[in-house]
Amino acid sequence: MDTSNSTNSLNVWSYFYLDNPNPKVKSKTYMHKELIPSRIIVNNRTTICYFPDGDKVLVRCAEYEEFEIETAVSEAIAKKVFGGNRSAFLKVVDQTYYQPNENKKE
């Protein structure tokens, strides 16, 4: 990925390959470019992510939380995927399957 233009903007290929940096080699694990922010701006505890389709997602960190850019960008991508709709997100979370915990005897 070429980030030489600016520290605040990212140039991406048509697919962003997670386990293979070469865009010409097919990979099983990839993300569509619409979900990769084209520009990320951080101001104190606020992160703004611009996406290639023109969407802008704003994420704020609570005063009592420690700010981490990885968490902020992840939350912005989740907001983009679910359209900022918390109930749609909770429907996915409610479908969680908890694997039974086997008690180990020692």
C-alpha atoms as a PDB file:
ATOM      1  CA  MET A   1       0.000   0.000   0.000  1.00  0.00           C
ATOM      2  CA  ASP A   2       1.429   3.361  -0.985  1.00  0.00           C
ATOM      3  CA  THR A   3       1.204   5.958   1.779  1.00  0.00           C
ATOM      4  CA  SER A   4       3.874   8.302   0.404  1.00  0.00           C
ATOM      5  CA  ASN A   5       1.422  11.075  -0.569  1.00  0.00           C
ATOM      6  CA  SER A   6       0.362  12.089   2.918  1.00  0.00           C
ATOM      7  CA  THR A   7       0.242  10.718   6.426  1.00  0.00           C
ATOM      8  CA  ASN A   8      -3.518  11.356   6.554  1.00  0.00           C
ATOM      9  CA  SER A   9      -4.576   9.689   3.310  1.00  0.00           C
ATOM     10  CA  LEU A  10      -4.387   6.105   2.128  1.00  0.00           C
ATOM     11  CA  ASN A  11      -4.211   4.919  -1.456  1.00  0.00           C
ATOM     12  CA  VAL A  12      -5.747   1.472  -1.869  1.00  0.00           C
ATOM     13  CA  TRP A  13      -6.025  -1.102  -4.621  1.00  0.00           C
ATOM     14  CA  SER A  14      -9.393  -2.320  -5.769  1.00  0.00           C
ATOM     15  CA  TYR A  15      -9.070  -5.020  -3.082  1.00  0.00           C
ATOM     16  CA  PHE A  16      -6.963  -4.752   0.043  1.00  0.00           C
ATOM     17  CA  TYR A  17      -5.237  -8.084   0.610  1.00  0.00           C
ATOM     18  CA  LEU A  18      -4.806  -8.825   4.305  1.00  0.00           C
ATOM     19  CA  ASP A  19      -2.401 -11.759   4.110  1.00  0.00           C
ATOM     20  CA  ASN A  20      -0.587 -10.932   0.878  1.00  0.00           C
ATOM     21  CA  PRO A  21       0.765  -7.453   0.084  1.00  0.00           C
ATOM     22  CA  ASN A  22       1.014  -8.163  -3.664  1.00  0.00           C
ATOM     23  CA  PRO A  23      -2.245  -7.002  -5.357  1.00  0.00           C
ATOM     24  CA  LYS A  24      -1.595  -9.184  -8.432  1.00  0.00           C
ATOM     25  CA  VAL A  25      -1.676 -12.412  -6.412  1.00  0.00           C
ATOM     26  CA  LYS A  26      -5.158 -13.708  -5.547  1.00  0.00           C
ATOM     27  CA  SER A  27      -5.844 -14.254  -1.875  1.00  0.00           C
ATOM     28  CA  LYS A  28      -8.707 -15.787   0.064  1.00  0.00           C
ATOM     29  CA  THR A  29      -8.750 -13.030   2.659  1.00  0.00           C
ATOM     30  CA  TYR A  30      -9.604  -9.597   1.271  1.00  0.00           C
ATOM     31  CA  MET A  31     -11.798  -6.599   1.903  1.00  0.00           C
ATOM     32  CA  HIS A  32     -13.664  -4.477  -0.597  1.00  0.00           C
ATOM     33  CA  LYS A  33     -12.192  -1.051  -1.115  1.00  0.00           C
ATOM     34  CA  GLU A  34     -15.477   0.609  -0.049  1.00  0.00           C
ATOM     35  CA  LEU A  35     -14.748  -0.440   3.539  1.00  0.00           C
ATOM     36  CA  ILE A  36     -11.207   0.970   3.647  1.00  0.00           C
ATOM     37  CA  PRO A  37     -11.155   4.651   4.661  1.00  0.00           C
ATOM     38  CA  SER A  38      -9.588   6.856   2.000  1.00  0.00           C
ATOM     39  CA  ARG A  39      -8.734   9.517   4.585  1.00  0.00           C
ATOM     40  CA  ILE A  40      -8.513   9.463   8.386  1.00  0.00           C
ATOM     41  CA  ILE A  41      -8.386  12.623  10.489  1.00  0.00           C
ATOM     42  CA  VAL A  42      -7.731  12.550  14.237  1.00  0.00           C
ATOM     43  CA  ASN A  43      -8.406  15.569  16.452  1.00  0.00           C
ATOM     44  CA  ASN A  44      -7.955  14.926  20.179  1.00  0.00           C
ATOM     45  CA  ARG A  45     -10.487  12.164  20.972  1.00  0.00           C
ATOM     46  CA  THR A  46     -12.457  12.467  17.726  1.00  0.00           C
ATOM     47  CA  THR A  47     -11.753  10.465  14.564  1.00  0.00           C
ATOM     48  CA  ILE A  48     -13.271  11.226  11.168  1.00  0.00           C
ATOM     49  CA  CYS A  49     -13.052   8.580   8.446  1.00  0.00           C
ATOM     50  CA  TYR A  50     -13.823   9.427   4.830  1.00  0.00           C
ATOM     51  CA  PHE A  51     -14.697   6.534   2.556  1.00  0.00           C
ATOM     52  CA  PRO A  52     -14.232   6.275  -1.237  1.00  0.00           C
ATOM     53  CA  ASP A  53     -17.999   6.519  -1.875  1.00  0.00           C
ATOM     54  CA  GLY A  54     -18.121   9.943  -0.183  1.00  0.00           C
ATOM     55  CA  ASP A  55     -19.450   8.802   3.202  1.00  0.00           C
ATOM     56  CA  LYS A  56     -18.033  10.471   6.289  1.00  0.00           C
ATOM     57  CA  VAL A  57     -18.176   8.696   9.667  1.00  0.00           C
ATOM     58  CA  LEU A  58     -17.379  10.447  12.939  1.00  0.00           C
ATOM     59  CA  VAL A  59     -16.381   8.502  16.053  1.00  0.00           C
ATOM     60  CA  ARG A  60     -15.769   9.995  19.495  1.00  0.00           C
ATOM     61  CA  CYS A  61     -13.966   8.419  22.421  1.00  0.00           C
ATOM     62  CA  ALA A  62     -15.578   8.832  25.856  1.00  0.00           C
ATOM     63  CA  GLU A  63     -13.674  10.889  28.427  1.00  0.00           C
ATOM     64  CA  TYR A  64     -13.123   7.866  30.669  1.00  0.00           C
ATOM     65  CA  GLU A  65     -11.754   5.668  27.847  1.00  0.00           C
ATOM     66  CA  GLU A  66      -8.191   5.511  26.616  1.00  0.00           C
ATOM     67  CA  PHE A  67      -7.994   6.675  22.985  1.00  0.00           C
ATOM     68  CA  GLU A  68      -6.610   4.169  20.479  1.00  0.00           C
ATOM     69  CA  ILE A  69      -6.622   4.843  16.750  1.00  0.00           C
ATOM     70  CA  GLU A  70      -7.152   1.150  15.914  1.00  0.00           C
ATOM     71  CA  THR A  71     -10.340   1.059  17.977  1.00  0.00           C
ATOM     72  CA  ALA A  72     -11.603   4.316  16.482  1.00  0.00           C
ATOM     73  CA  VAL A  73     -11.095   3.175  12.884  1.00  0.00           C
ATOM     74  CA  SER A  74     -12.658  -0.226  13.668  1.00  0.00           C
ATOM     75  CA  GLU A  75     -15.723   1.487  15.109  1.00  0.00           C
ATOM     76  CA  ALA A  76     -15.971   3.766  12.077  1.00  0.00           C
ATOM     77  CA  ILE A  77     -15.881   0.770   9.721  1.00  0.00           C
ATOM     78  CA  ALA A  78     -18.551  -0.997  11.825  1.00  0.00           C
ATOM     79  CA  LYS A  79     -20.732   2.137  11.667  1.00  0.00           C
ATOM     80  CA  LYS A  80     -20.294   2.184   7.888  1.00  0.00           C
ATOM     81  CA  VAL A  81     -21.184  -1.515   7.540  1.00  0.00           C
ATOM     82  CA  PHE A  82     -24.317  -1.236   9.708  1.00  0.00           C
ATOM     83  CA  GLY A  83     -25.289   2.229   8.506  1.00  0.00           C
ATOM     84  CA  GLY A  84     -24.957   3.666  12.006  1.00  0.00           C
ATOM     85  CA  ASN A  85     -27.911   1.485  13.014  1.00  0.00           C
ATOM     86  CA  ARG A  86     -27.228   0.069  16.478  1.00  0.00           C
ATOM     87  CA  SER A  87     -30.244  -2.254  16.390  1.00  0.00           C
ATOM     88  CA  ALA A  88     -28.906  -3.952  13.228  1.00  0.00           C
ATOM     89  CA  PHE A  89     -25.569  -4.409  14.976  1.00  0.00           C
ATOM     90  CA  LEU A  90     -27.250  -5.859  18.072  1.00  0.00           C
ATOM     91  CA  LYS A  91     -29.207  -8.350  15.929  1.00  0.00           C
ATOM     92  CA  VAL A  92     -25.886  -9.738  14.702  1.00  0.00           C
ATOM     93  CA  VAL A  93     -24.480  -9.833  18.233  1.00  0.00           C
ATOM     94  CA  ASP A  94     -27.617 -11.609  19.510  1.00  0.00           C
ATOM     95  CA  GLN A  95     -26.936 -14.457  17.064  1.00  0.00           C
ATOM     96  CA  THR A  96     -23.693 -15.283  18.883  1.00  0.00           C
ATOM     97  CA  TYR A  97     -23.152 -18.954  19.625  1.00  0.00           C
ATOM     98  CA  TYR A  98     -21.290 -19.611  22.844  1.00  0.00           C
ATOM     99  CA  GLN A  99     -19.279 -22.794  22.708  1.00  0.00           C
ATOM    100  CA  PRO A 100     -19.812 -24.934  25.808  1.00  0.00           C
ATOM    101  CA  ASN A 101     -17.029 -24.644  28.335  1.00  0.00           C
ATOM    102  CA  GLU A 102     -15.571 -28.014  29.218  1.00  0.00           C
ATOM    103  CA  ASN A 103     -14.315 -28.277  32.778  1.00  0.00           C
ATOM    104  CA  LYS A 104     -10.825 -29.667  32.817  1.00  0.00           C
ATOM    105  CA  LYS A 105     -10.052 -32.081  35.619  1.00  0.00           C
ATOM    106  CA  GLU A 106      -6.526 -31.966  36.899  1.00  0.00           C
END
